Amino acid sequence: MKKIYHLKTCSTCQRILRELQPLDGFELQNIKSDAISPDQLEEMKILAGSYEALFSRKAMLFRQRGLHEKQLSENDYKNLILEQYTFLKRPVIIFANQIFIGNSIKNIEQAKEKIHS
């Protein structure tokens, strides 16, 4: 599978997509206009090992809702990501049964190396 979950309006996601070019055969899913399905999230979780690994604590709603003061369970992470796209750490790149989550330089370099090797 070749898929990238991203936010079209996010300048960081746009920059990363440009860095990863060419993306022949990749399906791009804008998570704001095309919501993540429970099956898609489950597939990501299997590759990532947990819902927590997919969860963004940088989302503005994380602090606004007081979630930083709570002990969240795996089920909480799952439900929050499905409820609000901003809780997904992005981009999420799936390539050859590997997953690359987030925008760290190291992560993007590893994804780029894997995609273009």
C-alpha atoms as a PDB file:
ATOM      1  CA  MET A   1       0.000   0.000   0.000  1.00  0.00           C
ATOM      2  CA  LYS A   2       1.145   3.520  -0.825  1.00  0.00           C
ATOM      3  CA  LYS A   3      -0.847   6.116   1.041  1.00  0.00           C
ATOM      4  CA  ILE A   4      -0.335   9.466   2.719  1.00  0.00           C
ATOM      5  CA  TYR A   5      -2.809  10.934   5.187  1.00  0.00           C
ATOM      6  CA  HIS A   6      -2.266  14.679   5.317  1.00  0.00           C
ATOM      7  CA  LEU A   7      -3.943  18.019   5.835  1.00  0.00           C
ATOM      8  CA  LYS A   8      -4.113  19.977   2.591  1.00  0.00           C
ATOM      9  CA  THR A   9      -4.121  23.347   4.355  1.00  0.00           C
ATOM     10  CA  CYS A  10      -1.082  22.556   6.516  1.00  0.00           C
ATOM     11  CA  SER A  11       2.071  24.230   5.200  1.00  0.00           C
ATOM     12  CA  THR A  12       4.249  21.576   6.855  1.00  0.00           C
ATOM     13  CA  CYS A  13       2.351  18.774   5.106  1.00  0.00           C
ATOM     14  CA  GLN A  14       2.603  20.647   1.794  1.00  0.00           C
ATOM     15  CA  ARG A  15       6.368  21.069   2.237  1.00  0.00           C
ATOM     16  CA  ILE A  16       6.833  17.396   3.097  1.00  0.00           C
ATOM     17  CA  LEU A  17       4.787  16.261   0.094  1.00  0.00           C
ATOM     18  CA  ARG A  18       7.046  18.402  -2.135  1.00  0.00           C
ATOM     19  CA  GLU A  19      10.148  16.873  -0.500  1.00  0.00           C
ATOM     20  CA  LEU A  20       8.888  13.355  -1.112  1.00  0.00           C
ATOM     21  CA  GLN A  21       8.262  13.874  -4.855  1.00  0.00           C
ATOM     22  CA  PRO A  22       7.857  11.981  -7.052  1.00  0.00           C
ATOM     23  CA  LEU A  23       5.030  10.107  -5.374  1.00  0.00           C
ATOM     24  CA  ASP A  24       4.084   7.774  -8.203  1.00  0.00           C
ATOM     25  CA  GLY A  25       1.302   5.408  -7.226  1.00  0.00           C
ATOM     26  CA  PHE A  26       0.588   7.087  -3.884  1.00  0.00           C
ATOM     27  CA  GLU A  27      -2.941   7.817  -2.789  1.00  0.00           C
ATOM     28  CA  LEU A  28      -3.205  11.135  -0.942  1.00  0.00           C
ATOM     29  CA  GLN A  29      -6.040  11.551   1.541  1.00  0.00           C
ATOM     30  CA  ASN A  30      -6.841  15.020   2.849  1.00  0.00           C
ATOM     31  CA  ILE A  31      -8.099  14.129   6.324  1.00  0.00           C
ATOM     32  CA  LYS A  32     -10.175  17.302   6.648  1.00  0.00           C
ATOM     33  CA  SER A  33     -12.365  16.720   3.596  1.00  0.00           C
ATOM     34  CA  ASP A  34     -12.134  12.905   3.552  1.00  0.00           C
ATOM     35  CA  ALA A  35     -12.414  11.724   7.155  1.00  0.00           C
ATOM     36  CA  ILE A  36     -10.429   8.760   8.401  1.00  0.00           C
ATOM     37  CA  SER A  37     -12.599   5.671   8.685  1.00  0.00           C
ATOM     38  CA  PRO A  38     -12.431   3.303  11.666  1.00  0.00           C
ATOM     39  CA  ASP A  39     -10.943   0.642   9.346  1.00  0.00           C
ATOM     40  CA  GLN A  40      -8.240   3.016   8.121  1.00  0.00           C
ATOM     41  CA  LEU A  41      -7.361   4.007  11.673  1.00  0.00           C
ATOM     42  CA  GLU A  42      -7.211   0.350  12.698  1.00  0.00           C
ATOM     43  CA  GLU A  43      -4.829  -0.365   9.821  1.00  0.00           C
ATOM     44  CA  MET A  44      -2.595   2.519  10.929  1.00  0.00           C
ATOM     45  CA  LYS A  45      -2.720   1.305  14.537  1.00  0.00           C
ATOM     46  CA  ILE A  46      -1.617  -2.192  13.546  1.00  0.00           C
ATOM     47  CA  LEU A  47       1.429  -0.764  11.757  1.00  0.00           C
ATOM     48  CA  ALA A  48       2.163   1.823  14.476  1.00  0.00           C
ATOM     49  CA  GLY A  49       1.604  -0.472  17.451  1.00  0.00           C
ATOM     50  CA  SER A  50      -0.821   1.848  19.255  1.00  0.00           C
ATOM     51  CA  TYR A  51      -3.328   4.625  18.804  1.00  0.00           C
ATOM     52  CA  GLU A  52      -1.214   6.771  21.105  1.00  0.00           C
ATOM     53  CA  ALA A  53       1.636   6.689  18.551  1.00  0.00           C
ATOM     54  CA  LEU A  54      -0.762   8.271  16.034  1.00  0.00           C
ATOM     55  CA  PHE A  55      -2.060  10.931  18.419  1.00  0.00           C
ATOM     56  CA  SER A  56      -0.921  14.546  18.245  1.00  0.00           C
ATOM     57  CA  ARG A  57      -0.517  16.290  21.578  1.00  0.00           C
ATOM     58  CA  LYS A  58       0.277  19.464  19.627  1.00  0.00           C
ATOM     59  CA  ALA A  59      -3.319  19.827  18.476  1.00  0.00           C
ATOM     60  CA  MET A  60      -4.841  23.036  19.884  1.00  0.00           C
ATOM     61  CA  LEU A  61      -7.861  21.082  21.122  1.00  0.00           C
ATOM     62  CA  PHE A  62      -5.609  18.911  23.298  1.00  0.00           C
ATOM     63  CA  ARG A  63      -5.078  21.741  25.790  1.00  0.00           C
ATOM     64  CA  GLN A  64      -8.404  23.492  25.151  1.00  0.00           C
ATOM     65  CA  ARG A  65     -10.288  20.376  26.236  1.00  0.00           C
ATOM     66  CA  GLY A  66      -7.999  19.841  29.227  1.00  0.00           C
ATOM     67  CA  LEU A  67      -6.845  16.499  27.849  1.00  0.00           C
ATOM     68  CA  HIS A  68      -3.269  17.249  28.972  1.00  0.00           C
ATOM     69  CA  GLU A  69      -4.522  16.865  32.542  1.00  0.00           C
ATOM     70  CA  LYS A  70      -6.129  13.470  31.973  1.00  0.00           C
ATOM     71  CA  GLN A  71      -4.821   9.927  31.754  1.00  0.00           C
ATOM     72  CA  LEU A  72      -5.993   8.796  28.306  1.00  0.00           C
ATOM     73  CA  SER A  73      -6.540   5.157  27.342  1.00  0.00           C
ATOM     74  CA  GLU A  74      -5.939   3.594  23.933  1.00  0.00           C
ATOM     75  CA  ASN A  75      -9.695   3.720  23.369  1.00  0.00           C
ATOM     76  CA  ASP A  76      -9.679   7.449  24.209  1.00  0.00           C
ATOM     77  CA  TYR A  77      -6.927   8.084  21.641  1.00  0.00           C
ATOM     78  CA  LYS A  78      -8.837   6.105  19.028  1.00  0.00           C
ATOM     79  CA  ASN A  79     -12.121   7.920  19.631  1.00  0.00           C
ATOM     80  CA  LEU A  80     -10.500  11.361  19.693  1.00  0.00           C
ATOM     81  CA  ILE A  81      -8.726  10.778  16.365  1.00  0.00           C
ATOM     82  CA  LEU A  82     -11.956   9.556  14.769  1.00  0.00           C
ATOM     83  CA  GLU A  83     -13.895  12.474  16.229  1.00  0.00           C
ATOM     84  CA  GLN A  84     -11.497  15.260  15.196  1.00  0.00           C
ATOM     85  CA  TYR A  85      -8.936  15.047  12.376  1.00  0.00           C
ATOM     86  CA  THR A  86      -6.573  17.471  14.142  1.00  0.00           C
ATOM     87  CA  PHE A  87      -5.732  14.779  16.682  1.00  0.00           C
ATOM     88  CA  LEU A  88      -3.948  12.682  14.039  1.00  0.00           C
ATOM     89  CA  LYS A  89      -0.209  13.287  14.033  1.00  0.00           C
ATOM     90  CA  ARG A  90       0.555  14.131  10.444  1.00  0.00           C
ATOM     91  CA  PRO A  91       1.472  13.315   7.875  1.00  0.00           C
ATOM     92  CA  VAL A  92       1.051   9.563   8.120  1.00  0.00           C
ATOM     93  CA  ILE A  93       2.905   7.811   5.325  1.00  0.00           C
ATOM     94  CA  ILE A  94       2.266   4.132   4.634  1.00  0.00           C
ATOM     95  CA  PHE A  95       4.616   2.398   2.245  1.00  0.00           C
ATOM     96  CA  ALA A  96       5.441  -1.305   1.872  1.00  0.00           C
ATOM     97  CA  ASN A  97       3.859  -2.257   5.223  1.00  0.00           C
ATOM     98  CA  GLN A  98       5.850   0.428   7.035  1.00  0.00           C
ATOM     99  CA  ILE A  99       4.428   3.519   8.651  1.00  0.00           C
ATOM    100  CA  PHE A 100       6.050   6.900   9.126  1.00  0.00           C
ATOM    101  CA  ILE A 101       4.178   9.168  11.535  1.00  0.00           C
ATOM    102  CA  GLY A 102       4.656  12.884  11.973  1.00  0.00           C
ATOM    103  CA  ASN A 103       6.891  15.557  10.595  1.00  0.00           C
ATOM    104  CA  SER A 104      10.229  15.094  12.339  1.00  0.00           C
ATOM    105  CA  ILE A 105      13.206  15.531  10.019  1.00  0.00           C
ATOM    106  CA  LYS A 106      14.515  12.051  10.836  1.00  0.00           C
ATOM    107  CA  ASN A 107      11.131  10.458  10.140  1.00  0.00           C
ATOM    108  CA  ILE A 108      10.701  12.230   6.800  1.00  0.00           C
ATOM    109  CA  GLU A 109      14.263  11.347   5.735  1.00  0.00           C
ATOM    110  CA  GLN A 110      13.598   7.679   6.542  1.00  0.00           C
ATOM    111  CA  ALA A 111      10.349   7.766   4.542  1.00  0.00           C
ATOM    112  CA  LYS A 112      12.066   9.480   1.600  1.00  0.00           C
ATOM    113  CA  GLU A 113      14.883   6.906   1.634  1.00  0.00           C
ATOM    114  CA  LYS A 114      12.412   4.007   1.747  1.00  0.00           C
ATOM    115  CA  ILE A 115      10.179   5.428  -1.006  1.00  0.00           C
ATOM    116  CA  HIS A 116      13.011   6.220  -3.411  1.00  0.00           C
ATOM    117  CA  SER A 117      15.318   3.257  -2.816  1.00  0.00           C
END
